[in-house]
Amino acid sequence: VWDSADPTRSSFHVTANAANIDTANAKRDQHLKSPDFFDAKQFPT
């Protein structure tokens, strides 16, 4: 929500899916999705 005249009335809400992590290395990506890092199954967002 963007109010250029009064930015204090603006807001930002951004979400991302942890399963969409991409480091250009499939093995590393799977590790980052695991409980060692993002735990994408338990915490998908």
All heavy atoms as atom14 arrays in JSON, in Angstrom:
{
  "sequence": "VWDSADPTRSSFHVTANAANIDTANAKRDQHLKSPDFFDAKQFPT",
  "atom14_mask": [
    [1, 1, 1, 1, 1, 1, 1, 0, 0, 0, 0, 0, 0, 0],
    [1, 1, 1, 1, 1, 1, 1, 1, 1, 1, 1, 1, 1, 1],
    [1, 1, 1, 1, 1, 1, 1, 1, 0, 0, 0, 0, 0, 0],
    [1, 1, 1, 1, 1, 1, 0, 0, 0, 0, 0, 0, 0, 0],
    [1, 1, 1, 1, 1, 0, 0, 0, 0, 0, 0, 0, 0, 0],
    [1, 1, 1, 1, 1, 1, 1, 1, 0, 0, 0, 0, 0, 0],
    [1, 1, 1, 1, 1, 1, 1, 0, 0, 0, 0, 0, 0, 0],
    [1, 1, 1, 1, 1, 1, 1, 0, 0, 0, 0, 0, 0, 0],
    [1, 1, 1, 1, 1, 1, 1, 1, 1, 1, 1, 0, 0, 0],
    [1, 1, 1, 1, 1, 1, 0, 0, 0, 0, 0, 0, 0, 0],
    [1, 1, 1, 1, 1, 1, 0, 0, 0, 0, 0, 0, 0, 0],
    [1, 1, 1, 1, 1, 1, 1, 1, 1, 1, 1, 0, 0, 0],
    [1, 1, 1, 1, 1, 1, 1, 1, 1, 1, 0, 0, 0, 0],
    [1, 1, 1, 1, 1, 1, 1, 0, 0, 0, 0, 0, 0, 0],
    [1, 1, 1, 1, 1, 1, 1, 0, 0, 0, 0, 0, 0, 0],
    [1, 1, 1, 1, 1, 0, 0, 0, 0, 0, 0, 0, 0, 0],
    [1, 1, 1, 1, 1, 1, 1, 1, 0, 0, 0, 0, 0, 0],
    [1, 1, 1, 1, 1, 0, 0, 0, 0, 0, 0, 0, 0, 0],
    [1, 1, 1, 1, 1, 0, 0, 0, 0, 0, 0, 0, 0, 0],
    [1, 1, 1, 1, 1, 1, 1, 1, 0, 0, 0, 0, 0, 0],
    [1, 1, 1, 1, 1, 1, 1, 1, 0, 0, 0, 0, 0, 0],
    [1, 1, 1, 1, 1, 1, 1, 1, 0, 0, 0, 0, 0, 0],
    [1, 1, 1, 1, 1, 1, 1, 0, 0, 0, 0, 0, 0, 0],
    [1, 1, 1, 1, 1, 0, 0, 0, 0, 0, 0, 0, 0, 0],
    [1, 1, 1, 1, 1, 1, 1, 1, 0, 0, 0, 0, 0, 0],
    [1, 1, 1, 1, 1, 0, 0, 0, 0, 0, 0, 0, 0, 0],
    [1, 1, 1, 1, 1, 1, 1, 1, 1, 0, 0, 0, 0, 0],
    [1, 1, 1, 1, 1, 1, 1, 1, 1, 1, 1, 0, 0, 0],
    [1, 1, 1, 1, 1, 1, 1, 1, 0, 0, 0, 0, 0, 0],
    [1, 1, 1, 1, 1, 1, 1, 1, 1, 0, 0, 0, 0, 0],
    [1, 1, 1, 1, 1, 1, 1, 1, 1, 1, 0, 0, 0, 0],
    [1, 1, 1, 1, 1, 1, 1, 1, 0, 0, 0, 0, 0, 0],
    [1, 1, 1, 1, 1, 1, 1, 1, 1, 0, 0, 0, 0, 0],
    [1, 1, 1, 1, 1, 1, 0, 0, 0, 0, 0, 0, 0, 0],
    [1, 1, 1, 1, 1, 1, 1, 0, 0, 0, 0, 0, 0, 0],
    [1, 1, 1, 1, 1, 1, 1, 1, 0, 0, 0, 0, 0, 0],
    [1, 1, 1, 1, 1, 1, 1, 1, 1, 1, 1, 0, 0, 0],
    [1, 1, 1, 1, 1, 1, 1, 1, 1, 1, 1, 0, 0, 0],
    [1, 1, 1, 1, 1, 1, 1, 1, 0, 0, 0, 0, 0, 0],
    [1, 1, 1, 1, 1, 0, 0, 0, 0, 0, 0, 0, 0, 0],
    [1, 1, 1, 1, 1, 1, 1, 1, 1, 0, 0, 0, 0, 0],
    [1, 1, 1, 1, 1, 1, 1, 1, 1, 0, 0, 0, 0, 0],
    [1, 1, 1, 1, 1, 1, 1, 1, 1, 1, 1, 0, 0, 0],
    [1, 1, 1, 1, 1, 1, 1, 0, 0, 0, 0, 0, 0, 0],
    [1, 1, 1, 1, 1, 1, 1, 0, 0, 0, 0, 0, 0, 0]
  ],
  "atom14_positions": [
    [[0.89, -1.15, 0.0], [0.0, 0.0, 0.0], [0.93, 1.2, 0.0], [1.73, 1.38, 0.93], [-0.93, 0.02, 1.23], [-1.76, 1.29, 1.26], [-1.83, -1.22, 1.23], [0.0, 0.0, 0.0], [0.0, 0.0, 0.0], [0.0, 0.0, 0.0], [0.0, 0.0, 0.0], [0.0, 0.0, 0.0], [0.0, 0.0, 0.0], [0.0, 0.0, 0.0]],
    [[0.89, 2.01, -1.07], [1.84, 3.11, -1.23], [1.09, 4.43, -1.28], [0.22, 4.63, -2.1], [2.68, 2.91, -2.48], [3.66, 4.02, -2.71], [3.71, 4.88, -3.76], [4.73, 4.4, -1.84], [4.75, 5.77, -3.61], [5.39, 5.49, -2.42], [5.19, 3.93, -0.61], [6.48, 6.12, -1.85], [6.28, 4.55, -0.03], [6.91, 5.63, -0.64]],
    [[1.47, 5.33, -0.36], [0.9, 6.67, -0.32], [2.06, 7.65, -0.48], [2.77, 7.94, 0.48], [0.16, 6.89, 1.0], [-0.62, 8.19, 1.02], [-0.22, 9.15, 0.33], [-1.64, 8.25, 1.73], [0.0, 0.0, 0.0], [0.0, 0.0, 0.0], [0.0, 0.0, 0.0], [0.0, 0.0, 0.0], [0.0, 0.0, 0.0], [0.0, 0.0, 0.0]],
    [[2.26, 8.13, -1.7], [3.4, 9.0, -1.97], [3.28, 10.34, -1.26], [4.28, 10.96, -0.93], [3.56, 9.22, -3.48], [2.38, 9.79, -4.02], [0.0, 0.0, 0.0], [0.0, 0.0, 0.0], [0.0, 0.0, 0.0], [0.0, 0.0, 0.0], [0.0, 0.0, 0.0], [0.0, 0.0, 0.0], [0.0, 0.0, 0.0], [0.0, 0.0, 0.0]],
    [[2.05, 10.8, -0.99], [1.85, 12.07, -0.3], [2.13, 11.95, 1.19], [2.58, 12.89, 1.82], [0.43, 12.58, -0.53], [0.0, 0.0, 0.0], [0.0, 0.0, 0.0], [0.0, 0.0, 0.0], [0.0, 0.0, 0.0], [0.0, 0.0, 0.0], [0.0, 0.0, 0.0], [0.0, 0.0, 0.0], [0.0, 0.0, 0.0], [0.0, 0.0, 0.0]],
    [[1.86, 10.79, 1.76], [2.08, 10.55, 3.19], [2.6, 9.13, 3.37], [1.84, 8.2, 3.65], [0.79, 10.76, 3.98], [0.99, 10.58, 5.49], [2.15, 10.34, 5.92], [0.0, 10.68, 6.22], [0.0, 0.0, 0.0], [0.0, 0.0, 0.0], [0.0, 0.0, 0.0], [0.0, 0.0, 0.0], [0.0, 0.0, 0.0], [0.0, 0.0, 0.0]],
    [[3.91, 8.92, 3.16], [4.48, 7.58, 3.23], [4.22, 6.85, 4.56], [4.25, 5.62, 4.59], [5.98, 7.81, 3.02], [6.05, 9.09, 2.28], [4.91, 9.92, 2.79], [0.0, 0.0, 0.0], [0.0, 0.0, 0.0], [0.0, 0.0, 0.0], [0.0, 0.0, 0.0], [0.0, 0.0, 0.0], [0.0, 0.0, 0.0], [0.0, 0.0, 0.0]],
    [[3.94, 7.59, 5.63], [3.68, 6.92, 6.91], [2.41, 6.08, 6.84], [2.2, 5.22, 7.69], [3.55, 7.94, 8.06], [2.43, 8.8, 7.82], [4.82, 8.76, 8.21], [0.0, 0.0, 0.0], [0.0, 0.0, 0.0], [0.0, 0.0, 0.0], [0.0, 0.0, 0.0], [0.0, 0.0, 0.0], [0.0, 0.0, 0.0], [0.0, 0.0, 0.0]],
    [[1.57, 6.33, 5.85], [0.35, 5.53, 5.67], [0.59, 4.33, 4.75], [-0.34, 3.61, 4.4], [-0.77, 6.4, 5.1], [-1.19, 7.49, 6.06], [-2.31, 8.36, 5.56], [-2.81, 8.03, 4.23], [-3.82, 8.63, 3.66], [-4.45, 9.59, 4.27], [-4.22, 8.3, 2.44], [0.0, 0.0, 0.0], [0.0, 0.0, 0.0], [0.0, 0.0, 0.0]],
    [[1.82, 4.1, 4.35], [2.16, 3.0, 3.46], [2.46, 1.74, 4.25], [2.73, 1.79, 5.45], [3.39, 3.38, 2.62], [3.13, 4.54, 1.87], [0.0, 0.0, 0.0], [0.0, 0.0, 0.0], [0.0, 0.0, 0.0], [0.0, 0.0, 0.0], [0.0, 0.0, 0.0], [0.0, 0.0, 0.0], [0.0, 0.0, 0.0], [0.0, 0.0, 0.0]],
    [[2.4, 0.6, 3.55], [2.74, -0.67, 4.19], [3.27, -1.66, 3.15], [2.99, -1.55, 1.96], [1.52, -1.26, 4.91], [0.51, -1.59, 3.98], [0.0, 0.0, 0.0], [0.0, 0.0, 0.0], [0.0, 0.0, 0.0], [0.0, 0.0, 0.0], [0.0, 0.0, 0.0], [0.0, 0.0, 0.0], [0.0, 0.0, 0.0], [0.0, 0.0, 0.0]],
    [[4.06, -2.6, 3.65], [4.67, -3.64, 2.82], [4.43, -4.99, 3.48], [4.66, -5.13, 4.69], [6.18, -3.4, 2.7], [6.55, -2.15, 1.97], [6.5, -0.91, 2.61], [6.95, -2.2, 0.65], [6.84, 0.25, 1.95], [7.29, -1.03, -0.03], [7.24, 0.19, 0.62], [0.0, 0.0, 0.0], [0.0, 0.0, 0.0], [0.0, 0.0, 0.0]],
    [[4.0, -5.97, 2.71], [3.85, -7.33, 3.2], [4.37, -8.26, 2.11], [3.81, -8.31, 1.01], [2.4, -7.64, 3.53], [2.21, -8.99, 4.15], [1.05, -9.68, 4.06], [3.05, -9.75, 4.88], [1.16, -10.84, 4.71], [2.38, -10.89, 5.2], [0.0, 0.0, 0.0], [0.0, 0.0, 0.0], [0.0, 0.0, 0.0], [0.0, 0.0, 0.0]],
    [[5.46, -8.95, 2.41], [6.11, -9.81, 1.43], [6.25, -11.21, 2.03], [6.65, -11.36, 3.18], [7.52, -9.27, 1.06], [8.22, -10.19, 0.07], [7.41, -7.85, 0.5], [0.0, 0.0, 0.0], [0.0, 0.0, 0.0], [0.0, 0.0, 0.0], [0.0, 0.0, 0.0], [0.0, 0.0, 0.0], [0.0, 0.0, 0.0], [0.0, 0.0, 0.0]],
    [[5.89, -12.21, 1.22], [6.05, -13.61, 1.65], [6.83, -14.36, 0.58], [6.85, -13.98, -0.59], [4.7, -14.31, 1.88], [3.98, -14.34, 0.65], [3.89, -13.61, 2.95], [0.0, 0.0, 0.0], [0.0, 0.0, 0.0], [0.0, 0.0, 0.0], [0.0, 0.0, 0.0], [0.0, 0.0, 0.0], [0.0, 0.0, 0.0], [0.0, 0.0, 0.0]],
    [[7.49, -15.42, 1.02], [8.22, -16.29, 0.1], [8.12, -17.72, 0.61], [8.03, -17.95, 1.81], [9.68, -15.86, -0.01], [0.0, 0.0, 0.0], [0.0, 0.0, 0.0], [0.0, 0.0, 0.0], [0.0, 0.0, 0.0], [0.0, 0.0, 0.0], [0.0, 0.0, 0.0], [0.0, 0.0, 0.0], [0.0, 0.0, 0.0], [0.0, 0.0, 0.0]],
    [[8.17, -18.64, -0.32], [8.1, -20.05, 0.0], [9.52, -20.58, 0.18], [10.33, -20.51, -0.74], [7.37, -20.79, -1.12], [7.07, -22.22, -0.79], [7.77, -22.86, -0.01], [6.02, -22.75, -1.39], [0.0, 0.0, 0.0], [0.0, 0.0, 0.0], [0.0, 0.0, 0.0], [0.0, 0.0, 0.0], [0.0, 0.0, 0.0], [0.0, 0.0, 0.0]],
    [[9.8, -21.14, 1.36], [11.15, -21.65, 1.63], [11.56, -22.74, 0.65], [12.75, -22.94, 0.4], [11.23, -22.16, 3.07], [0.0, 0.0, 0.0], [0.0, 0.0, 0.0], [0.0, 0.0, 0.0], [0.0, 0.0, 0.0], [0.0, 0.0, 0.0], [0.0, 0.0, 0.0], [0.0, 0.0, 0.0], [0.0, 0.0, 0.0], [0.0, 0.0, 0.0]],
    [[10.6, -23.44, 0.06], [10.91, -24.47, -0.92], [11.44, -23.88, -2.23], [11.99, -24.61, -3.05], [9.68, -25.33, -1.19], [0.0, 0.0, 0.0], [0.0, 0.0, 0.0], [0.0, 0.0, 0.0], [0.0, 0.0, 0.0], [0.0, 0.0, 0.0], [0.0, 0.0, 0.0], [0.0, 0.0, 0.0], [0.0, 0.0, 0.0], [0.0, 0.0, 0.0]],
    [[11.31, -22.57, -2.41], [11.77, -21.92, -3.64], [13.21, -21.41, -3.54], [13.63, -20.59, -4.35], [10.85, -20.76, -4.0], [9.49, -21.23, -4.47], [9.31, -22.4, -4.79], [8.53, -20.34, -4.49], [0.0, 0.0, 0.0], [0.0, 0.0, 0.0], [0.0, 0.0, 0.0], [0.0, 0.0, 0.0], [0.0, 0.0, 0.0], [0.0, 0.0, 0.0]],
    [[13.96, -21.88, -2.56], [15.35, -21.45, -2.42], [16.17, -21.99, -3.59], [15.97, -23.11, -4.04], [15.93, -21.88, -1.06], [17.21, -21.12, -0.78], [16.14, -23.37, -0.99], [17.57, -21.1, 0.68], [0.0, 0.0, 0.0], [0.0, 0.0, 0.0], [0.0, 0.0, 0.0], [0.0, 0.0, 0.0], [0.0, 0.0, 0.0], [0.0, 0.0, 0.0]],
    [[17.09, -21.17, -4.08], [17.87, -21.53, -5.26], [19.27, -20.94, -5.15], [19.44, -19.72, -5.17], [17.16, -20.99, -6.52], [17.86, -21.36, -7.8], [18.9, -22.07, -7.77], [17.39, -20.92, -8.87], [0.0, 0.0, 0.0], [0.0, 0.0, 0.0], [0.0, 0.0, 0.0], [0.0, 0.0, 0.0], [0.0, 0.0, 0.0], [0.0, 0.0, 0.0]],
    [[20.25, -21.82, -5.02], [21.64, -21.38, -4.98], [22.44, -21.9, -6.17], [23.66, -21.9, -6.16], [22.34, -21.85, -3.68], [22.37, -23.29, -3.67], [21.63, -21.33, -2.44], [0.0, 0.0, 0.0], [0.0, 0.0, 0.0], [0.0, 0.0, 0.0], [0.0, 0.0, 0.0], [0.0, 0.0, 0.0], [0.0, 0.0, 0.0], [0.0, 0.0, 0.0]],
    [[21.71, -22.41, -7.18], [22.32, -22.97, -8.39], [23.09, -24.26, -8.1], [24.0, -24.63, -8.84], [23.21, -21.95, -9.1], [0.0, 0.0, 0.0], [0.0, 0.0, 0.0], [0.0, 0.0, 0.0], [0.0, 0.0, 0.0], [0.0, 0.0, 0.0], [0.0, 0.0, 0.0], [0.0, 0.0, 0.0], [0.0, 0.0, 0.0], [0.0, 0.0, 0.0]],
    [[22.73, -24.93, -7.0], [23.33, -26.21, -6.66], [22.26, -27.05, -5.97], [21.89, -26.77, -4.82], [24.55, -26.0, -5.74], [25.22, -27.3, -5.37], [24.67, -28.11, -4.64], [26.44, -27.47, -5.85], [0.0, 0.0, 0.0], [0.0, 0.0, 0.0], [0.0, 0.0, 0.0], [0.0, 0.0, 0.0], [0.0, 0.0, 0.0], [0.0, 0.0, 0.0]],
    [[21.75, -28.07, -6.66], [20.62, -28.86, -6.17], [20.9, -29.51, -4.82], [20.02, -29.52, -3.94], [20.22, -29.92, -7.2], [0.0, 0.0, 0.0], [0.0, 0.0, 0.0], [0.0, 0.0, 0.0], [0.0, 0.0, 0.0], [0.0, 0.0, 0.0], [0.0, 0.0, 0.0], [0.0, 0.0, 0.0], [0.0, 0.0, 0.0], [0.0, 0.0, 0.0]],
    [[22.09, -30.04, -4.61], [22.42, -30.7, -3.34], [22.41, -29.69, -2.19], [21.85, -29.94, -1.12], [23.79, -31.38, -3.46], [24.17, -32.2, -2.26], [25.48, -32.94, -2.49], [25.87, -33.74, -1.25], [27.15, -34.42, -1.43], [0.0, 0.0, 0.0], [0.0, 0.0, 0.0], [0.0, 0.0, 0.0], [0.0, 0.0, 0.0], [0.0, 0.0, 0.0]],
    [[23.0, -28.52, -2.41], [23.01, -27.48, -1.38], [21.58, -26.98, -1.12], [21.18, -26.77, 0.03], [23.92, -26.32, -1.78], [23.93, -25.2, -0.75], [24.96, -24.13, -1.04], [24.92, -23.67, -2.4], [26.01, -23.38, -3.12], [27.21, -23.48, -2.6], [25.9, -22.96, -4.37], [0.0, 0.0, 0.0], [0.0, 0.0, 0.0], [0.0, 0.0, 0.0]],
    [[20.8, -26.81, -2.19], [19.41, -26.35, -2.03], [18.62, -27.32, -1.15], [17.86, -26.89, -0.28], [18.73, -26.2, -3.39], [19.32, -25.07, -4.22], [20.12, -24.27, -3.68], [18.99, -25.01, -5.42], [0.0, 0.0, 0.0], [0.0, 0.0, 0.0], [0.0, 0.0, 0.0], [0.0, 0.0, 0.0], [0.0, 0.0, 0.0], [0.0, 0.0, 0.0]],
    [[18.78, -28.62, -1.38], [18.07, -29.61, -0.55], [18.52, -29.51, 0.9], [17.7, -29.61, 1.82], [18.3, -31.04, -1.08], [17.55, -31.32, -2.36], [16.05, -31.06, -2.22], [15.4, -31.43, -1.25], [15.49, -30.37, -3.21], [0.0, 0.0, 0.0], [0.0, 0.0, 0.0], [0.0, 0.0, 0.0], [0.0, 0.0, 0.0], [0.0, 0.0, 0.0]],
    [[19.81, -29.29, 1.14], [20.3, -29.15, 2.5], [19.72, -27.9, 3.16], [19.32, -27.91, 4.32], [21.82, -29.13, 2.53], [22.39, -29.25, 3.9], [23.67, -28.86, 4.22], [21.86, -29.71, 5.07], [23.9, -29.08, 5.51], [22.81, -29.59, 6.04], [0.0, 0.0, 0.0], [0.0, 0.0, 0.0], [0.0, 0.0, 0.0], [0.0, 0.0, 0.0]],
    [[19.65, -26.79, 2.41], [19.09, -25.56, 2.96], [17.6, -25.69, 3.31], [17.11, -25.03, 4.23], [19.29, -24.39, 1.99], [20.73, -23.9, 1.86], [20.85, -22.89, 0.72], [21.23, -23.3, 3.15], [0.0, 0.0, 0.0], [0.0, 0.0, 0.0], [0.0, 0.0, 0.0], [0.0, 0.0, 0.0], [0.0, 0.0, 0.0], [0.0, 0.0, 0.0]],
    [[16.89, -26.55, 2.6], [15.46, -26.79, 2.88], [15.27, -27.74, 4.07], [14.17, -27.84, 4.61], [14.77, -27.37, 1.65], [14.73, -26.41, 0.47], [14.19, -27.1, -0.77], [14.46, -26.26, -2.01], [14.01, -26.92, -3.24], [0.0, 0.0, 0.0], [0.0, 0.0, 0.0], [0.0, 0.0, 0.0], [0.0, 0.0, 0.0], [0.0, 0.0, 0.0]],
    [[16.32, -28.39, 4.51], [16.24, -29.39, 5.58], [16.15, -28.72, 6.96], [16.33, -27.5, 7.09], [17.47, -30.29, 5.54], [18.59, -29.63, 6.13], [0.0, 0.0, 0.0], [0.0, 0.0, 0.0], [0.0, 0.0, 0.0], [0.0, 0.0, 0.0], [0.0, 0.0, 0.0], [0.0, 0.0, 0.0], [0.0, 0.0, 0.0], [0.0, 0.0, 0.0]],
    [[15.89, -29.51, 8.01], [15.85, -28.96, 9.37], [17.16, -28.29, 9.83], [17.14, -27.5, 10.77], [15.51, -30.17, 10.24], [14.74, -31.08, 9.32], [15.42, -30.91, 7.97], [0.0, 0.0, 0.0], [0.0, 0.0, 0.0], [0.0, 0.0, 0.0], [0.0, 0.0, 0.0], [0.0, 0.0, 0.0], [0.0, 0.0, 0.0], [0.0, 0.0, 0.0]],
    [[18.27, -28.57, 9.16], [19.53, -27.9, 9.51], [19.46, -26.39, 9.27], [20.14, -25.62, 9.94], [20.7, -28.46, 8.7], [21.14, -29.84, 9.15], [20.77, -30.25, 10.28], [21.83, -30.51, 8.36], [0.0, 0.0, 0.0], [0.0, 0.0, 0.0], [0.0, 0.0, 0.0], [0.0, 0.0, 0.0], [0.0, 0.0, 0.0], [0.0, 0.0, 0.0]],
    [[18.65, -25.99, 8.3], [18.56, -24.58, 7.95], [17.12, -24.07, 8.02], [16.63, -23.76, 9.08], [19.17, -24.33, 6.55], [20.66, -24.5, 6.52], [21.22, -25.71, 6.13], [21.5, -23.48, 6.9], [22.61, -25.88, 6.11], [22.88, -23.62, 6.89], [23.43, -24.83, 6.5], [0.0, 0.0, 0.0], [0.0, 0.0, 0.0], [0.0, 0.0, 0.0]],
    [[16.42, -23.99, 6.89], [15.08, -23.38, 6.85], [13.97, -24.3, 7.33], [12.9, -23.83, 7.68], [14.76, -22.88, 5.44], [15.56, -21.68, 5.05], [16.65, -21.79, 4.21], [15.21, -20.42, 5.52], [17.38, -20.67, 3.84], [15.94, -19.29, 5.18], [17.03, -19.42, 4.33], [0.0, 0.0, 0.0], [0.0, 0.0, 0.0], [0.0, 0.0, 0.0]],
    [[14.19, -25.62, 7.31], [13.16, -26.58, 7.69], [11.87, -26.27, 6.95], [10.81, -26.0, 7.52], [12.94, -26.56, 9.2], [12.25, -27.82, 9.7], [11.85, -28.66, 8.87], [12.09, -27.95, 10.93], [0.0, 0.0, 0.0], [0.0, 0.0, 0.0], [0.0, 0.0, 0.0], [0.0, 0.0, 0.0], [0.0, 0.0, 0.0], [0.0, 0.0, 0.0]],
    [[11.95, -26.33, 5.62], [10.86, -25.89, 4.75], [9.56, -26.67, 4.93], [8.49, -26.12, 4.7], [11.31, -25.97, 3.29], [0.0, 0.0, 0.0], [0.0, 0.0, 0.0], [0.0, 0.0, 0.0], [0.0, 0.0, 0.0], [0.0, 0.0, 0.0], [0.0, 0.0, 0.0], [0.0, 0.0, 0.0], [0.0, 0.0, 0.0], [0.0, 0.0, 0.0]],
    [[9.64, -27.92, 5.35], [8.4, -28.68, 5.56], [7.64, -28.16, 6.78], [6.43, -28.01, 6.75], [8.7, -30.17, 5.71], [9.03, -30.83, 4.4], [9.19, -32.31, 4.54], [9.59, -32.9, 3.19], [9.86, -34.32, 3.28], [0.0, 0.0, 0.0], [0.0, 0.0, 0.0], [0.0, 0.0, 0.0], [0.0, 0.0, 0.0], [0.0, 0.0, 0.0]],
    [[8.35, -27.9, 7.86], [7.69, -27.42, 9.08], [7.39, -25.93, 9.03], [6.39, -25.47, 9.57], [8.55, -27.72, 10.31], [7.84, -27.35, 11.6], [8.59, -27.84, 12.84], [9.52, -28.62, 12.77], [8.16, -27.35, 13.98], [0.0, 0.0, 0.0], [0.0, 0.0, 0.0], [0.0, 0.0, 0.0], [0.0, 0.0, 0.0], [0.0, 0.0, 0.0]],
    [[8.25, -25.16, 8.37], [8.1, -23.7, 8.28], [8.16, -23.28, 6.81], [9.16, -22.73, 6.35], [9.2, -23.0, 9.08], [9.29, -23.44, 10.51], [10.31, -24.28, 10.94], [8.34, -23.01, 11.43], [10.38, -24.69, 12.27], [8.41, -23.41, 12.77], [9.43, -24.26, 13.18], [0.0, 0.0, 0.0], [0.0, 0.0, 0.0], [0.0, 0.0, 0.0]],
    [[7.08, -23.51, 6.07], [7.13, -23.29, 4.62], [7.18, -21.82, 4.19], [7.62, -21.54, 3.08], [5.83, -23.94, 4.12], [4.92, -23.91, 5.3], [5.81, -24.06, 6.51], [0.0, 0.0, 0.0], [0.0, 0.0, 0.0], [0.0, 0.0, 0.0], [0.0, 0.0, 0.0], [0.0, 0.0, 0.0], [0.0, 0.0, 0.0], [0.0, 0.0, 0.0]],
    [[6.79, -20.9, 5.06], [6.68, -19.5, 4.63], [7.64, -18.6, 5.4], [7.73, -18.66, 6.61], [5.24, -19.0, 4.83], [4.36, -19.86, 4.11], [5.08, -17.58, 4.31], [0.0, 0.0, 0.0], [0.0, 0.0, 0.0], [0.0, 0.0, 0.0], [0.0, 0.0, 0.0], [0.0, 0.0, 0.0], [0.0, 0.0, 0.0], [0.0, 0.0, 0.0]]
  ]
}
